[in-house]
Amino acid sequence: MYHPGEIKTPGLELMLILIRLIIFAAVVFIVSGVGMLAHIPPVITGTAAGIAAFALLLGGLYEVVDFRCPHCGTVTRVIKNFGSFRCPACGQASYIENGRAVPTEADRNQFLNL
């Protein structure tokens, strides 16, 4: 069964890479176009466009990481910072932040009640 955030096929991972490249190109064209309309020298707008697009990629947009379920230890490929994720093996929910599991509210409550 497919769970949201899970990357089961190489095709889906390739599609995410292509989306990142399209967004990169769009940022470069938009920033450069705005610079041309504002009559800013091409060297400045090209540099600004490259820095803006590179910063966007460093932000981890649609980045795929290996995620280890904190409940059962199953390793799954997921989208980094996707949010809520349900493990395909044990069915437990986790919250993904920076590629690591953050306890869900139910886990926190269970821990506090011990």
PDB file of N, CA and C in Angstrom:
ATOM      1  N   MET A   1       0.839  -1.181   0.000  1.00  0.00           N
ATOM      2  CA  MET A   1       0.000   0.000   0.000  1.00  0.00           C
ATOM      3  C   MET A   1       0.882   1.242   0.000  1.00  0.00           C
ATOM      4  N   TYR A   2       0.478   2.251  -0.735  1.00  0.00           N
ATOM      5  CA  TYR A   2       1.234   3.497  -0.827  1.00  0.00           C
ATOM      6  C   TYR A   2       0.850   4.420   0.323  1.00  0.00           C
ATOM      7  N   HIS A   3       1.838   5.044   0.930  1.00  0.00           N
ATOM      8  CA  HIS A   3       1.606   6.013   1.990  1.00  0.00           C
ATOM      9  C   HIS A   3       2.128   7.371   1.530  1.00  0.00           C
ATOM     10  N   PRO A   4       1.395   8.464   1.759  1.00  0.00           N
ATOM     11  CA  PRO A   4       1.844   9.787   1.323  1.00  0.00           C
ATOM     12  C   PRO A   4       3.236  10.115   1.861  1.00  0.00           C
ATOM     13  N   GLY A   5       4.071  10.664   1.011  1.00  0.00           N
ATOM     14  CA  GLY A   5       5.427  11.013   1.392  1.00  0.00           C
ATOM     15  C   GLY A   5       6.437   9.931   1.076  1.00  0.00           C
ATOM     16  N   GLU A   6       5.965   8.714   0.834  1.00  0.00           N
ATOM     17  CA  GLU A   6       6.849   7.591   0.558  1.00  0.00           C
ATOM     18  C   GLU A   6       7.230   7.575  -0.925  1.00  0.00           C
ATOM     19  N   ILE A   7       8.508   7.321  -1.213  1.00  0.00           N
ATOM     20  CA  ILE A   7       9.002   7.237  -2.586  1.00  0.00           C
ATOM     21  C   ILE A   7       9.224   5.756  -2.884  1.00  0.00           C
ATOM     22  N   LYS A   8       8.312   5.174  -3.662  1.00  0.00           N
ATOM     23  CA  LYS A   8       8.402   3.739  -3.947  1.00  0.00           C
ATOM     24  C   LYS A   8       9.100   3.422  -5.261  1.00  0.00           C
ATOM     25  N   THR A   9       9.115   4.363  -6.197  1.00  0.00           N
ATOM     26  CA  THR A   9       9.693   4.072  -7.506  1.00  0.00           C
ATOM     27  C   THR A   9      10.769   5.092  -7.855  1.00  0.00           C
ATOM     28  N   PRO A  10      11.767   4.673  -8.629  1.00  0.00           N
ATOM     29  CA  PRO A  10      12.773   5.633  -9.086  1.00  0.00           C
ATOM     30  C   PRO A  10      12.177   6.717  -9.986  1.00  0.00           C
ATOM     31  N   GLY A  11      11.094   6.399 -10.671  1.00  0.00           N
ATOM     32  CA  GLY A  11      10.439   7.379 -11.538  1.00  0.00           C
ATOM     33  C   GLY A  11       9.904   8.565 -10.756  1.00  0.00           C
ATOM     34  N   LEU A  12       9.342   8.308  -9.581  1.00  0.00           N
ATOM     35  CA  LEU A  12       8.833   9.401  -8.754  1.00  0.00           C
ATOM     36  C   LEU A  12       9.981  10.265  -8.241  1.00  0.00           C
ATOM     37  N   GLU A  13      11.080   9.637  -7.864  1.00  0.00           N
ATOM     38  CA  GLU A  13      12.245  10.402  -7.408  1.00  0.00           C
ATOM     39  C   GLU A  13      12.819  11.241  -8.559  1.00  0.00           C
ATOM     40  N   LEU A  14      12.845  10.683  -9.764  1.00  0.00           N
ATOM     41  CA  LEU A  14      13.307  11.423 -10.937  1.00  0.00           C
ATOM     42  C   LEU A  14      12.387  12.603 -11.229  1.00  0.00           C
ATOM     43  N   MET A  15      11.083  12.403 -11.087  1.00  0.00           N
ATOM     44  CA  MET A  15      10.133  13.480 -11.310  1.00  0.00           C
ATOM     45  C   MET A  15      10.374  14.621 -10.328  1.00  0.00           C
ATOM     46  N   LEU A  16      10.670  14.305  -9.066  1.00  0.00           N
ATOM     47  CA  LEU A  16      10.949  15.336  -8.074  1.00  0.00           C
ATOM     48  C   LEU A  16      12.221  16.115  -8.423  1.00  0.00           C
ATOM     49  N   ILE A  17      13.232  15.419  -8.968  1.00  0.00           N
ATOM     50  CA  ILE A  17      14.458  16.088  -9.407  1.00  0.00           C
ATOM     51  C   ILE A  17      14.154  17.029 -10.564  1.00  0.00           C
ATOM     52  N   LEU A  18      13.337  16.576 -11.507  1.00  0.00           N
ATOM     53  CA  LEU A  18      12.973  17.430 -12.645  1.00  0.00           C
ATOM     54  C   LEU A  18      12.175  18.656 -12.194  1.00  0.00           C
ATOM     55  N   ILE A  19      11.308  18.484 -11.216  1.00  0.00           N
ATOM     56  CA  ILE A  19      10.545  19.621 -10.685  1.00  0.00           C
ATOM     57  C   ILE A  19      11.491  20.639 -10.061  1.00  0.00           C
ATOM     58  N   ARG A  20      12.502  20.156  -9.329  1.00  0.00           N
ATOM     59  CA  ARG A  20      13.485  21.065  -8.733  1.00  0.00           C
ATOM     60  C   ARG A  20      14.230  21.843  -9.825  1.00  0.00           C
ATOM     61  N   LEU A  21      14.601  21.174 -10.918  1.00  0.00           N
ATOM     62  CA  LEU A  21      15.302  21.855 -12.004  1.00  0.00           C
ATOM     63  C   LEU A  21      14.415  22.881 -12.702  1.00  0.00           C
ATOM     64  N   ILE A  22      13.147  22.560 -12.885  1.00  0.00           N
ATOM     65  CA  ILE A  22      12.206  23.501 -13.508  1.00  0.00           C
ATOM     66  C   ILE A  22      12.028  24.727 -12.623  1.00  0.00           C
ATOM     67  N   ILE A  23      11.901  24.528 -11.328  1.00  0.00           N
ATOM     68  CA  ILE A  23      11.764  25.656 -10.408  1.00  0.00           C
ATOM     69  C   ILE A  23      13.041  26.500 -10.415  1.00  0.00           C
ATOM     70  N   PHE A  24      14.202  25.840 -10.462  1.00  0.00           N
ATOM     71  CA  PHE A  24      15.484  26.545 -10.543  1.00  0.00           C
ATOM     72  C   PHE A  24      15.518  27.453 -11.773  1.00  0.00           C
ATOM     73  N   ALA A  25      15.168  26.898 -12.932  1.00  0.00           N
ATOM     74  CA  ALA A  25      15.168  27.671 -14.176  1.00  0.00           C
ATOM     75  C   ALA A  25      14.146  28.806 -14.117  1.00  0.00           C
ATOM     76  N   ALA A  26      12.979  28.541 -13.534  1.00  0.00           N
ATOM     77  CA  ALA A  26      11.951  29.579 -13.440  1.00  0.00           C
ATOM     78  C   ALA A  26      12.425  30.747 -12.583  1.00  0.00           C
ATOM     79  N   VAL A  27      13.085  30.456 -11.481  1.00  0.00           N
ATOM     80  CA  VAL A  27      13.597  31.536 -10.627  1.00  0.00           C
ATOM     81  C   VAL A  27      14.630  32.362 -11.373  1.00  0.00           C
ATOM     82  N   VAL A  28      15.524  31.699 -12.109  1.00  0.00           N
ATOM     83  CA  VAL A  28      16.546  32.417 -12.877  1.00  0.00           C
ATOM     84  C   VAL A  28      15.885  33.332 -13.914  1.00  0.00           C
ATOM     85  N   PHE A  29      14.913  32.807 -14.656  1.00  0.00           N
ATOM     86  CA  PHE A  29      14.249  33.619 -15.683  1.00  0.00           C
ATOM     87  C   PHE A  29      13.435  34.764 -15.077  1.00  0.00           C
ATOM     88  N   ILE A  30      12.754  34.524 -13.985  1.00  0.00           N
ATOM     89  CA  ILE A  30      11.936  35.574 -13.374  1.00  0.00           C
ATOM     90  C   ILE A  30      12.812  36.697 -12.831  1.00  0.00           C
ATOM     91  N   VAL A  31      13.852  36.337 -12.091  1.00  0.00           N
ATOM     92  CA  VAL A  31      14.724  37.376 -11.531  1.00  0.00           C
ATOM     93  C   VAL A  31      15.436  38.134 -12.649  1.00  0.00           C
ATOM     94  N   SER A  32      15.900  37.417 -13.662  1.00  0.00           N
ATOM     95  CA  SER A  32      16.559  38.090 -14.793  1.00  0.00           C
ATOM     96  C   SER A  32      15.591  38.985 -15.552  1.00  0.00           C
ATOM     97  N   GLY A  33      14.376  38.518 -15.747  1.00  0.00           N
ATOM     98  CA  GLY A  33      13.368  39.317 -16.455  1.00  0.00           C
ATOM     99  C   GLY A  33      13.003  40.579 -15.700  1.00  0.00           C
ATOM    100  N   VAL A  34      12.863  40.469 -14.395  1.00  0.00           N
ATOM    101  CA  VAL A  34      12.564  41.657 -13.590  1.00  0.00           C
ATOM    102  C   VAL A  34      13.728  42.640 -13.668  1.00  0.00           C
ATOM    103  N   GLY A  35      14.950  42.119 -13.662  1.00  0.00           N
ATOM    104  CA  GLY A  35      16.118  42.984 -13.788  1.00  0.00           C
ATOM    105  C   GLY A  35      16.169  43.698 -15.129  1.00  0.00           C
ATOM    106  N   MET A  36      15.795  42.996 -16.184  1.00  0.00           N
ATOM    107  CA  MET A  36      15.779  43.622 -17.509  1.00  0.00           C
ATOM    108  C   MET A  36      14.716  44.705 -17.582  1.00  0.00           C
ATOM    109  N   LEU A  37      13.542  44.444 -17.015  1.00  0.00           N
ATOM    110  CA  LEU A  37      12.469  45.444 -17.029  1.00  0.00           C
ATOM    111  C   LEU A  37      12.837  46.673 -16.209  1.00  0.00           C
ATOM    112  N   ALA A  38      13.624  46.469 -15.165  1.00  0.00           N
ATOM    113  CA  ALA A  38      14.036  47.584 -14.305  1.00  0.00           C
ATOM    114  C   ALA A  38      15.309  48.258 -14.819  1.00  0.00           C
ATOM    115  N   HIS A  39      15.828  47.792 -15.965  1.00  0.00           N
ATOM    116  CA  HIS A  39      17.044  48.339 -16.588  1.00  0.00           C
ATOM    117  C   HIS A  39      18.264  48.228 -15.672  1.00  0.00           C
ATOM    118  N   ILE A  40      18.376  47.086 -14.992  1.00  0.00           N
ATOM    119  CA  ILE A  40      19.543  46.798 -14.160  1.00  0.00           C
ATOM    120  C   ILE A  40      20.544  46.045 -15.043  1.00  0.00           C
ATOM    121  N   PRO A  41      21.847  46.320 -14.903  1.00  0.00           N
ATOM    122  CA  PRO A  41      22.846  45.649 -15.746  1.00  0.00           C
ATOM    123  C   PRO A  41      22.740  44.119 -15.656  1.00  0.00           C
ATOM    124  N   PRO A  42      22.922  43.416 -16.783  1.00  0.00           N
ATOM    125  CA  PRO A  42      22.779  41.959 -16.817  1.00  0.00           C
ATOM    126  C   PRO A  42      23.716  41.223 -15.860  1.00  0.00           C
ATOM    127  N   VAL A  43      24.890  41.771 -15.618  1.00  0.00           N
ATOM    128  CA  VAL A  43      25.819  41.103 -14.699  1.00  0.00           C
ATOM    129  C   VAL A  43      25.214  41.027 -13.296  1.00  0.00           C
ATOM    130  N   ILE A  44      24.586  42.094 -12.875  1.00  0.00           N
ATOM    131  CA  ILE A  44      23.994  42.136 -11.533  1.00  0.00           C
ATOM    132  C   ILE A  44      22.773  41.219 -11.462  1.00  0.00           C
ATOM    133  N   THR A  45      21.882  41.311 -12.457  1.00  0.00           N
ATOM    134  CA  THR A  45      20.675  40.475 -12.415  1.00  0.00           C
ATOM    135  C   THR A  45      21.014  38.999 -12.576  1.00  0.00           C
ATOM    136  N   GLY A  46      21.996  38.684 -13.414  1.00  0.00           N
ATOM    137  CA  GLY A  46      22.391  37.283 -13.572  1.00  0.00           C
ATOM    138  C   GLY A  46      22.974  36.711 -12.302  1.00  0.00           C
ATOM    139  N   THR A  47      23.793  37.505 -11.617  1.00  0.00           N
ATOM    140  CA  THR A  47      24.365  37.066 -10.344  1.00  0.00           C
ATOM    141  C   THR A  47      23.274  36.898  -9.297  1.00  0.00           C
ATOM    142  N   ALA A  48      22.373  37.861  -9.219  1.00  0.00           N
ATOM    143  CA  ALA A  48      21.272  37.779  -8.250  1.00  0.00           C
ATOM    144  C   ALA A  48      20.378  36.579  -8.545  1.00  0.00           C
ATOM    145  N   ALA A  49      20.120  36.310  -9.809  1.00  0.00           N
ATOM    146  CA  ALA A  49      19.277  35.168 -10.187  1.00  0.00           C
ATOM    147  C   ALA A  49      19.946  33.856  -9.800  1.00  0.00           C
ATOM    148  N   GLY A  50      21.229  33.744 -10.063  1.00  0.00           N
ATOM    149  CA  GLY A  50      21.951  32.529  -9.704  1.00  0.00           C
ATOM    150  C   GLY A  50      21.980  32.295  -8.210  1.00  0.00           C
ATOM    151  N   ILE A  51      22.207  33.357  -7.439  1.00  0.00           N
ATOM    152  CA  ILE A  51      22.236  33.227  -5.979  1.00  0.00           C
ATOM    153  C   ILE A  51      20.853  32.852  -5.446  1.00  0.00           C
ATOM    154  N   ALA A  52      19.809  33.483  -5.973  1.00  0.00           N
ATOM    155  CA  ALA A  52      18.446  33.177  -5.516  1.00  0.00           C
ATOM    156  C   ALA A  52      18.070  31.730  -5.826  1.00  0.00           C
ATOM    157  N   ALA A  53      18.380  31.266  -7.026  1.00  0.00           N
ATOM    158  CA  ALA A  53      18.040  29.892  -7.402  1.00  0.00           C
ATOM    159  C   ALA A  53      18.865  28.885  -6.605  1.00  0.00           C
ATOM    160  N   PHE A  54      20.140  29.183  -6.394  1.00  0.00           N
ATOM    161  CA  PHE A  54      20.994  28.278  -5.629  1.00  0.00           C
ATOM    162  C   PHE A  54      20.520  28.193  -4.182  1.00  0.00           C
ATOM    163  N   ALA A  55      20.123  29.316  -3.596  1.00  0.00           N
ATOM    164  CA  ALA A  55      19.598  29.321  -2.228  1.00  0.00           C
ATOM    165  C   ALA A  55      18.315  28.496  -2.140  1.00  0.00           C
ATOM    166  N   LEU A  56      17.498  28.564  -3.177  1.00  0.00           N
ATOM    167  CA  LEU A  56      16.267  27.773  -3.206  1.00  0.00           C
ATOM    168  C   LEU A  56      16.578  26.285  -3.194  1.00  0.00           C
ATOM    169  N   LEU A  57      17.578  25.869  -3.966  1.00  0.00           N
ATOM    170  CA  LEU A  57      17.952  24.454  -3.988  1.00  0.00           C
ATOM    171  C   LEU A  57      18.575  24.003  -2.676  1.00  0.00           C
ATOM    172  N   LEU A  58      19.347  24.879  -2.041  1.00  0.00           N
ATOM    173  CA  LEU A  58      19.945  24.525  -0.756  1.00  0.00           C
ATOM    174  C   LEU A  58      18.896  24.375   0.333  1.00  0.00           C
ATOM    175  N   GLY A  59      17.751  24.984   0.135  1.00  0.00           N
ATOM    176  CA  GLY A  59      16.664  24.883   1.107  1.00  0.00           C
ATOM    177  C   GLY A  59      16.059  23.497   1.188  1.00  0.00           C
ATOM    178  N   GLY A  60      16.394  22.611   0.273  1.00  0.00           N
ATOM    179  CA  GLY A  60      15.904  21.235   0.336  1.00  0.00           C
ATOM    180  C   GLY A  60      14.531  21.024  -0.255  1.00  0.00           C
ATOM    181  N   LEU A  61      14.167  21.816  -1.228  1.00  0.00           N
ATOM    182  CA  LEU A  61      12.861  21.687  -1.860  1.00  0.00           C
ATOM    183  C   LEU A  61      12.731  20.315  -2.519  1.00  0.00           C
ATOM    184  N   TYR A  62      11.765  19.527  -2.117  1.00  0.00           N
ATOM    185  CA  TYR A  62      11.491  18.182  -2.644  1.00  0.00           C
ATOM    186  C   TYR A  62      12.702  17.253  -2.558  1.00  0.00           C
ATOM    187  N   GLU A  63      13.498  17.404  -1.522  1.00  0.00           N
ATOM    188  CA  GLU A  63      14.660  16.536  -1.342  1.00  0.00           C
ATOM    189  C   GLU A  63      14.203  15.180  -0.800  1.00  0.00           C
ATOM    190  N   VAL A  64      14.790  14.108  -1.305  1.00  0.00           N
ATOM    191  CA  VAL A  64      14.436  12.745  -0.892  1.00  0.00           C
ATOM    192  C   VAL A  64      15.519  12.223   0.049  1.00  0.00           C
ATOM    193  N   VAL A  65      15.105  11.693   1.199  1.00  0.00           N
ATOM    194  CA  VAL A  65      16.039  11.183   2.195  1.00  0.00           C
ATOM    195  C   VAL A  65      15.589   9.792   2.659  1.00  0.00           C
ATOM    196  N   ASP A  66      16.525   9.053   3.265  1.00  0.00           N
ATOM    197  CA  ASP A  66      16.191   7.778   3.902  1.00  0.00           C
ATOM    198  C   ASP A  66      15.649   8.075   5.293  1.00  0.00           C
ATOM    199  N   PHE A  67      14.530   7.459   5.620  1.00  0.00           N
ATOM    200  CA  PHE A  67      13.875   7.680   6.917  1.00  0.00           C
ATOM    201  C   PHE A  67      13.754   6.350   7.636  1.00  0.00           C
ATOM    202  N   ARG A  68      14.230   6.310   8.879  1.00  0.00           N
ATOM    203  CA  ARG A  68      14.113   5.096   9.700  1.00  0.00           C
ATOM    204  C   ARG A  68      12.958   5.298  10.677  1.00  0.00           C
ATOM    205  N   CYS A  69      11.995   4.397  10.618  1.00  0.00           N
ATOM    206  CA  CYS A  69      10.833   4.470  11.502  1.00  0.00           C
ATOM    207  C   CYS A  69      11.307   4.315  12.951  1.00  0.00           C
ATOM    208  N   PRO A  70      10.927   5.244  13.834  1.00  0.00           N
ATOM    209  CA  PRO A  70      11.357   5.144  15.227  1.00  0.00           C
ATOM    210  C   PRO A  70      10.666   4.015  15.985  1.00  0.00           C
ATOM    211  N   HIS A  71       9.584   3.472  15.419  1.00  0.00           N
ATOM    212  CA  HIS A  71       8.831   2.425  16.098  1.00  0.00           C
ATOM    213  C   HIS A  71       9.328   1.026  15.752  1.00  0.00           C
ATOM    214  N   CYS A  72       9.618   0.775  14.452  1.00  0.00           N
ATOM    215  CA  CYS A  72      10.000  -0.582  14.045  1.00  0.00           C
ATOM    216  C   CYS A  72      11.361  -0.655  13.365  1.00  0.00           C
ATOM    217  N   GLY A  73      11.929   0.486  12.970  1.00  0.00           N
ATOM    218  CA  GLY A  73      13.255   0.505  12.358  1.00  0.00           C
ATOM    219  C   GLY A  73      13.275   0.309  10.851  1.00  0.00           C
ATOM    220  N   THR A  74      12.132   0.239  10.208  1.00  0.00           N
ATOM    221  CA  THR A  74      12.077   0.078   8.762  1.00  0.00           C
ATOM    222  C   THR A  74      12.604   1.338   8.073  1.00  0.00           C
ATOM    223  N   VAL A  75      13.484   1.157   7.077  1.00  0.00           N
ATOM    224  CA  VAL A  75      14.040   2.282   6.332  1.00  0.00           C
ATOM    225  C   VAL A  75      13.231   2.480   5.050  1.00  0.00           C
ATOM    226  N   THR A  76      12.776   3.707   4.831  1.00  0.00           N
ATOM    227  CA  THR A  76      11.948   4.046   3.677  1.00  0.00           C
ATOM    228  C   THR A  76      12.460   5.352   3.080  1.00  0.00           C
ATOM    229  N   ARG A  77      12.379   5.508   1.753  1.00  0.00           N
ATOM    230  CA  ARG A  77      12.723   6.763   1.086  1.00  0.00           C
ATOM    231  C   ARG A  77      11.506   7.680   1.164  1.00  0.00           C
ATOM    232  N   VAL A  78      11.702   8.887   1.696  1.00  0.00           N
ATOM    233  CA  VAL A  78      10.602   9.835   1.866  1.00  0.00           C
ATOM    234  C   VAL A  78      11.054  11.228   1.438  1.00  0.00           C
ATOM    235  N   ILE A  79      10.089  12.120   1.281  1.00  0.00           N
ATOM    236  CA  ILE A  79      10.375  13.513   0.961  1.00  0.00           C
ATOM    237  C   ILE A  79      10.711  14.232   2.266  1.00  0.00           C
ATOM    238  N   LYS A  80      11.879  14.895   2.288  1.00  0.00           N
ATOM    239  CA  LYS A  80      12.319  15.614   3.480  1.00  0.00           C
ATOM    240  C   LYS A  80      11.337  16.737   3.799  1.00  0.00           C
ATOM    241  N   ASN A  81      11.041  16.913   5.081  1.00  0.00           N
ATOM    242  CA  ASN A  81      10.112  17.939   5.576  1.00  0.00           C
ATOM    243  C   ASN A  81       8.708  17.777   5.008  1.00  0.00           C
ATOM    244  N   PHE A  82       8.321  16.531   4.720  1.00  0.00           N
ATOM    245  CA  PHE A  82       6.995  16.290   4.151  1.00  0.00           C
ATOM    246  C   PHE A  82       5.906  16.525   5.176  1.00  0.00           C
ATOM    247  N   GLY A  83       6.206  16.199   6.417  1.00  0.00           N
ATOM    248  CA  GLY A  83       5.204  16.340   7.468  1.00  0.00           C
ATOM    249  C   GLY A  83       4.853  14.985   8.026  1.00  0.00           C
ATOM    250  N   SER A  84       3.588  14.700   8.130  1.00  0.00           N
ATOM    251  CA  SER A  84       3.121  13.449   8.700  1.00  0.00           C
ATOM    252  C   SER A  84       3.402  12.281   7.762  1.00  0.00           C
ATOM    253  N   PHE A  85       3.798  11.157   8.337  1.00  0.00           N
ATOM    254  CA  PHE A  85       4.124   9.967   7.546  1.00  0.00           C
ATOM    255  C   PHE A  85       3.676   8.731   8.313  1.00  0.00           C
ATOM    256  N   ARG A  86       3.086   7.781   7.608  1.00  0.00           N
ATOM    257  CA  ARG A  86       2.674   6.515   8.222  1.00  0.00           C
ATOM    258  C   ARG A  86       3.574   5.417   7.680  1.00  0.00           C
ATOM    259  N   CYS A  87       4.235   4.692   8.591  1.00  0.00           N
ATOM    260  CA  CYS A  87       5.178   3.639   8.216  1.00  0.00           C
ATOM    261  C   CYS A  87       4.445   2.516   7.474  1.00  0.00           C
ATOM    262  N   PRO A  88       4.989   2.046   6.329  1.00  0.00           N
ATOM    263  CA  PRO A  88       4.332   0.981   5.586  1.00  0.00           C
ATOM    264  C   PRO A  88       4.415  -0.371   6.291  1.00  0.00           C
ATOM    265  N   ALA A  89       5.370  -0.545   7.197  1.00  0.00           N
ATOM    266  CA  ALA A  89       5.530  -1.833   7.874  1.00  0.00           C
ATOM    267  C   ALA A  89       4.660  -1.947   9.122  1.00  0.00           C
ATOM    268  N   CYS A  90       4.753  -0.962  10.030  1.00  0.00           N
ATOM    269  CA  CYS A  90       4.035  -1.079  11.307  1.00  0.00           C
ATOM    270  C   CYS A  90       2.774  -0.220  11.368  1.00  0.00           C
ATOM    271  N   GLY A  91       2.636   0.751  10.442  1.00  0.00           N
ATOM    272  CA  GLY A  91       1.440   1.581  10.400  1.00  0.00           C
ATOM    273  C   GLY A  91       1.436   2.728  11.398  1.00  0.00           C
ATOM    274  N   GLN A  92       2.535   2.917  12.135  1.00  0.00           N
ATOM    275  CA  GLN A  92       2.613   4.003  13.114  1.00  0.00           C
ATOM    276  C   GLN A  92       2.878   5.331  12.408  1.00  0.00           C
ATOM    277  N   ALA A  93       2.279   6.389  12.924  1.00  0.00           N
ATOM    278  CA  ALA A  93       2.464   7.725  12.341  1.00  0.00           C
ATOM    279  C   ALA A  93       3.674   8.398  12.975  1.00  0.00           C
ATOM    280  N   SER A  94       4.413   9.118  12.157  1.00  0.00           N
ATOM    281  CA  SER A  94       5.547   9.925  12.614  1.00  0.00           C
ATOM    282  C   SER A  94       5.479  11.256  11.901  1.00  0.00           C
ATOM    283  N   TYR A  95       6.177  12.226  12.433  1.00  0.00           N
ATOM    284  CA  TYR A  95       6.275  13.519  11.788  1.00  0.00           C
ATOM    285  C   TYR A  95       7.710  13.682  11.343  1.00  0.00           C
ATOM    286  N   ILE A  96       7.933  14.004  10.055  1.00  0.00           N
ATOM    287  CA  ILE A  96       9.273  14.105   9.491  1.00  0.00           C
ATOM    288  C   ILE A  96       9.683  15.569   9.450  1.00  0.00           C
ATOM    289  N   GLU A  97      10.810  15.865  10.081  1.00  0.00           N
ATOM    290  CA  GLU A  97      11.358  17.214  10.058  1.00  0.00           C
ATOM    291  C   GLU A  97      12.859  17.092   9.853  1.00  0.00           C
ATOM    292  N   ASN A  98      13.357  17.664   8.753  1.00  0.00           N
ATOM    293  CA  ASN A  98      14.775  17.581   8.389  1.00  0.00           C
ATOM    294  C   ASN A  98      15.253  16.133   8.247  1.00  0.00           C
ATOM    295  N   GLY A  99      14.396  15.269   7.762  1.00  0.00           N
ATOM    296  CA  GLY A  99      14.764  13.885   7.508  1.00  0.00           C
ATOM    297  C   GLY A  99      14.777  13.009   8.735  1.00  0.00           C
ATOM    298  N   ARG A 100      14.403  13.538   9.882  1.00  0.00           N
ATOM    299  CA  ARG A 100      14.383  12.762  11.117  1.00  0.00           C
ATOM    300  C   ARG A 100      12.980  12.745  11.690  1.00  0.00           C
ATOM    301  N   ALA A 101      12.712  11.724  12.491  1.00  0.00           N
ATOM    302  CA  ALA A 101      11.396  11.604  13.100  1.00  0.00           C
ATOM    303  C   ALA A 101      11.291  12.521  14.307  1.00  0.00           C
ATOM    304  N   VAL A 102      10.211  13.256  14.345  1.00  0.00           N
ATOM    305  CA  VAL A 102       9.879  14.077  15.496  1.00  0.00           C
ATOM    306  C   VAL A 102       8.637  13.439  16.100  1.00  0.00           C
ATOM    307  N   PRO A 103       8.590  13.298  17.426  1.00  0.00           N
ATOM    308  CA  PRO A 103       7.419  12.639  18.023  1.00  0.00           C
ATOM    309  C   PRO A 103       6.114  13.356  17.677  1.00  0.00           C
ATOM    310  N   THR A 104       5.105  12.564  17.388  1.00  0.00           N
ATOM    311  CA  THR A 104       3.784  13.139  17.144  1.00  0.00           C
ATOM    312  C   THR A 104       3.178  13.514  18.491  1.00  0.00           C
ATOM    313  N   GLU A 105       2.086  14.227  18.464  1.00  0.00           N
ATOM    314  CA  GLU A 105       1.432  14.659  19.705  1.00  0.00           C
ATOM    315  C   GLU A 105       1.019  13.456  20.551  1.00  0.00           C
ATOM    316  N   ALA A 106       0.558  12.385  19.922  1.00  0.00           N
ATOM    317  CA  ALA A 106       0.159  11.181  20.662  1.00  0.00           C
ATOM    318  C   ALA A 106       1.367  10.556  21.353  1.00  0.00           C
ATOM    319  N   ASP A 107       2.526  10.528  20.687  1.00  0.00           N
ATOM    320  CA  ASP A 107       3.737   9.989  21.301  1.00  0.00           C
ATOM    321  C   ASP A 107       4.156  10.831  22.499  1.00  0.00           C
ATOM    322  N   ARG A 108       4.065  12.156  22.362  1.00  0.00           N
ATOM    323  CA  ARG A 108       4.429  13.041  23.479  1.00  0.00           C
ATOM    324  C   ARG A 108       3.519  12.796  24.675  1.00  0.00           C
ATOM    325  N   ASN A 109       2.205  12.675  24.424  1.00  0.00           N
ATOM    326  CA  ASN A 109       1.254  12.444  25.513  1.00  0.00           C
ATOM    327  C   ASN A 109       1.502  11.112  26.197  1.00  0.00           C
ATOM    328  N   GLN A 110       1.811  10.075  25.404  1.00  0.00           N
ATOM    329  CA  GLN A 110       2.090   8.757  25.968  1.00  0.00           C
ATOM    330  C   GLN A 110       3.345   8.825  26.853  1.00  0.00           C
ATOM    331  N   PHE A 111       4.371   9.549  26.393  1.00  0.00           N
ATOM    332  CA  PHE A 111       5.605   9.668  27.151  1.00  0.00           C
ATOM    333  C   PHE A 111       5.376  10.419  28.460  1.00  0.00           C
ATOM    334  N   LEU A 112       4.560  11.477  28.399  1.00  0.00           N
ATOM    335  CA  LEU A 112       4.295  12.278  29.607  1.00  0.00           C
ATOM    336  C   LEU A 112       3.464  11.531  30.631  1.00  0.00           C
ATOM    337  N   ASN A 113       2.647  10.570  30.179  1.00  0.00           N
ATOM    338  CA  ASN A 113       1.784   9.808  31.095  1.00  0.00           C
ATOM    339  C   ASN A 113       2.514   8.656  31.787  1.00  0.00           C
ATOM    340  N   LEU A 114       3.746   8.370  31.403  1.00  0.00           N
ATOM    341  CA  LEU A 114       4.494   7.267  32.020  1.00  0.00           C
ATOM    342  C   LEU A 114       4.887   7.566  33.439  1.00  0.00           C
TER     343      LEU A 114
END
